[in-house]
């Protein structure tokens, strides 16, 4: 049976930390679906979703095991529709663990076949945070070192 993992997030923007988790996840899974979700807690994205999908697709264009999709439904249902039995998540710190653990429990309740797999972020990438990157970019700071693609 093919091991398919869903890597969900708003990815606003998709960072080198996200890229690291996806690439390391390939050692565990046959296929990874990067699922760019519409976050109901955010009223507006900083980077347009179509722009980010293009950038993520370009980042992994040479890897057929990685695909990118958008969704606006429960992650557990989206995983089921796509045959994904695993959720791939990255953890930077204990705060991430507390948050992700709660989400994992609810997803498991909603879809009993869905197992969450957590990878600890590589040490050199643990400080990368999409919110901070957006703020730096907003004030014309250079964020190129934090992204696996060029913005222009």
Protein backbone atom coordinates (compact mmCIF):
# COMPACT_ATOMS: atom_id res chain seq x y z
CA UNK A 1 0.00 0.00 0.00
CA UNK A 2 1.30 3.43 -0.97
CA UNK A 3 2.21 5.64 2.00
CA UNK A 4 0.71 9.06 1.26
CA UNK A 5 1.26 11.98 3.64
CA UNK A 6 -0.55 15.28 3.70
CA UNK A 7 1.55 18.29 4.73
CA UNK A 8 -1.12 20.91 5.51
CA UNK A 9 -0.65 24.59 6.24
CA UNK A 10 -1.37 28.11 5.12
CA UNK A 11 2.25 28.48 3.92
CA UNK A 12 2.11 32.26 3.89
CA UNK A 13 4.95 32.05 2.90
CA UNK A 14 6.38 28.55 2.32
CA UNK A 15 9.81 28.63 3.98
CA UNK A 16 13.08 26.70 3.99
CA UNK A 17 11.82 25.11 7.21
CA UNK A 18 8.77 23.77 5.36
CA UNK A 19 10.97 22.58 2.50
CA UNK A 20 13.21 20.74 4.99
CA UNK A 21 10.26 18.86 6.49
CA UNK A 22 8.96 17.85 3.04
CA UNK A 23 12.35 16.63 1.81
CA UNK A 24 13.02 14.67 5.00
CA UNK A 25 9.50 13.27 4.84
CA UNK A 26 10.33 11.64 1.51
CA UNK A 27 12.42 9.09 3.44
CA UNK A 28 9.22 8.00 5.19
CA UNK A 29 6.51 8.38 2.56
CA UNK A 30 6.00 7.43 -1.08
CA UNK A 31 4.08 10.61 -1.85
CA UNK A 32 3.62 13.94 -0.08
CA UNK A 33 0.76 16.30 -0.84
CA UNK A 34 1.50 19.86 0.23
CA UNK A 35 -1.98 21.06 1.10
CA UNK A 36 -2.31 24.84 1.08
CA UNK A 37 -5.34 25.57 3.18
CA UNK A 38 -7.54 28.57 3.52
CA UNK A 39 -7.17 29.35 7.23
CA UNK A 40 -10.52 30.46 8.68
CA UNK A 41 -8.60 32.28 11.42
CA UNK A 42 -6.92 34.58 8.90
CA UNK A 43 -8.98 37.20 7.14
CA UNK A 44 -6.44 37.84 4.40
CA UNK A 45 -3.24 36.27 3.15
CA UNK A 46 -0.06 38.30 2.84
CA UNK A 47 1.14 36.43 -0.26
CA UNK A 48 -1.60 35.51 -2.77
CA UNK A 49 -2.39 31.80 -2.66
CA UNK A 50 -1.91 31.29 -6.43
CA UNK A 51 1.50 32.97 -6.23
CA UNK A 52 2.54 30.69 -3.36
CA UNK A 53 1.29 27.55 -5.13
CA UNK A 54 3.37 28.50 -8.19
CA UNK A 55 6.45 29.01 -6.00
CA UNK A 56 5.99 25.69 -4.17
CA UNK A 57 5.38 23.84 -7.44
CA UNK A 58 8.52 25.39 -8.90
CA UNK A 59 10.54 24.41 -5.80
CA UNK A 60 9.63 20.73 -6.26
CA UNK A 61 9.20 20.62 -10.05
CA UNK A 62 11.77 17.82 -10.42
CA UNK A 63 10.21 15.59 -7.78
CA UNK A 64 7.11 13.65 -8.94
CA UNK A 65 6.51 12.33 -5.41
CA UNK A 66 5.52 15.84 -4.26
CA UNK A 67 2.33 17.58 -5.35
CA UNK A 68 0.58 20.77 -4.29
CA UNK A 69 -3.15 21.26 -3.81
CA UNK A 70 -5.42 23.82 -2.18
CA UNK A 71 -8.28 23.02 0.13
CA UNK A 72 -10.92 24.71 2.26
CA UNK A 73 -12.42 21.95 4.38
CA UNK A 74 -11.46 19.90 7.39
CA UNK A 75 -7.93 18.55 7.00
CA UNK A 76 -9.09 15.08 8.11
CA UNK A 77 -11.68 14.98 5.30
CA UNK A 78 -9.26 16.31 2.71
CA UNK A 79 -6.76 13.62 3.70
CA UNK A 80 -9.43 10.93 3.34
CA UNK A 81 -10.45 12.18 -0.12
CA UNK A 82 -6.80 12.03 -1.25
CA UNK A 83 -5.99 8.62 0.21
CA UNK A 84 -3.56 10.09 2.75
CA UNK A 85 -3.26 8.10 5.96
CA UNK A 86 -0.60 10.35 7.43
CA UNK A 87 -0.29 13.99 8.37
CA UNK A 88 3.25 15.30 8.22
CA UNK A 89 4.02 18.13 10.62
CA UNK A 90 7.14 19.98 11.70
CA UNK A 91 7.91 20.94 15.29
CA UNK A 92 10.22 23.83 16.12
CA UNK A 93 9.69 23.89 19.87
CA UNK A 94 7.46 22.77 22.76
CA UNK A 95 4.86 25.42 21.93
CA UNK A 96 4.46 23.84 18.48
CA UNK A 97 4.12 20.43 20.14
CA UNK A 98 1.28 21.55 22.41
CA UNK A 99 -0.62 23.07 19.49
CA UNK A 100 0.03 20.18 17.08
CA UNK A 101 -0.82 17.55 19.69
CA UNK A 102 -4.30 19.03 20.16
CA UNK A 103 -4.89 19.20 16.41
CA UNK A 104 -3.62 15.63 16.01
CA UNK A 105 -6.11 14.33 18.56
CA UNK A 106 -9.05 16.01 16.81
CA UNK A 107 -7.92 14.81 13.37
CA UNK A 108 -7.64 11.27 14.71
CA UNK A 109 -11.18 11.55 16.12
CA UNK A 110 -12.51 12.81 12.77
CA UNK A 111 -10.58 10.28 10.69
CA UNK A 112 -9.47 7.20 12.64
CA UNK A 113 -7.17 6.14 9.80
CA UNK A 114 -5.14 9.35 10.01
CA UNK A 115 -1.82 9.17 11.87
CA UNK A 116 0.19 12.30 12.61
CA UNK A 117 3.95 12.10 12.12
CA UNK A 118 6.06 14.85 13.64
CA UNK A 119 9.56 15.75 12.50
CA UNK A 120 11.73 18.03 14.59
CA UNK A 121 12.87 21.01 12.54
CA UNK A 122 16.56 20.98 11.64
CA UNK A 123 18.47 23.17 14.14
CA UNK A 124 19.57 25.80 11.61
CA UNK A 125 15.97 26.33 10.48
CA UNK A 126 14.13 26.30 13.83
CA UNK A 127 13.99 30.09 14.12
CA UNK A 128 12.20 30.51 10.78
CA UNK A 129 8.61 31.60 11.33
CA UNK A 130 6.22 32.69 8.57
CA UNK A 131 4.78 35.51 10.69
CA UNK A 132 8.21 37.00 11.31
CA UNK A 133 9.17 36.61 7.65
CA UNK A 134 6.01 38.46 6.58
CA UNK A 135 6.83 41.29 8.97
CA UNK A 136 10.41 41.61 7.72
CA UNK A 137 9.18 41.60 4.10
CA UNK A 138 6.51 44.19 4.87
CA UNK A 139 9.26 46.63 5.87
CA UNK A 140 11.44 45.80 2.85
CA UNK A 141 13.85 43.54 4.74
CA UNK A 142 15.74 40.82 2.85
CA UNK A 143 14.03 37.46 3.39
CA UNK A 144 15.77 35.56 0.58
CA UNK A 145 17.77 33.36 2.98
CA UNK A 146 14.53 32.04 4.51
CA UNK A 147 12.82 31.00 1.26
CA UNK A 148 13.65 28.13 -1.14
CA UNK A 149 12.67 30.29 -4.15
CA UNK A 150 13.04 33.86 -5.37
CA UNK A 151 10.11 36.20 -4.80
CA UNK A 152 10.46 38.04 -8.10
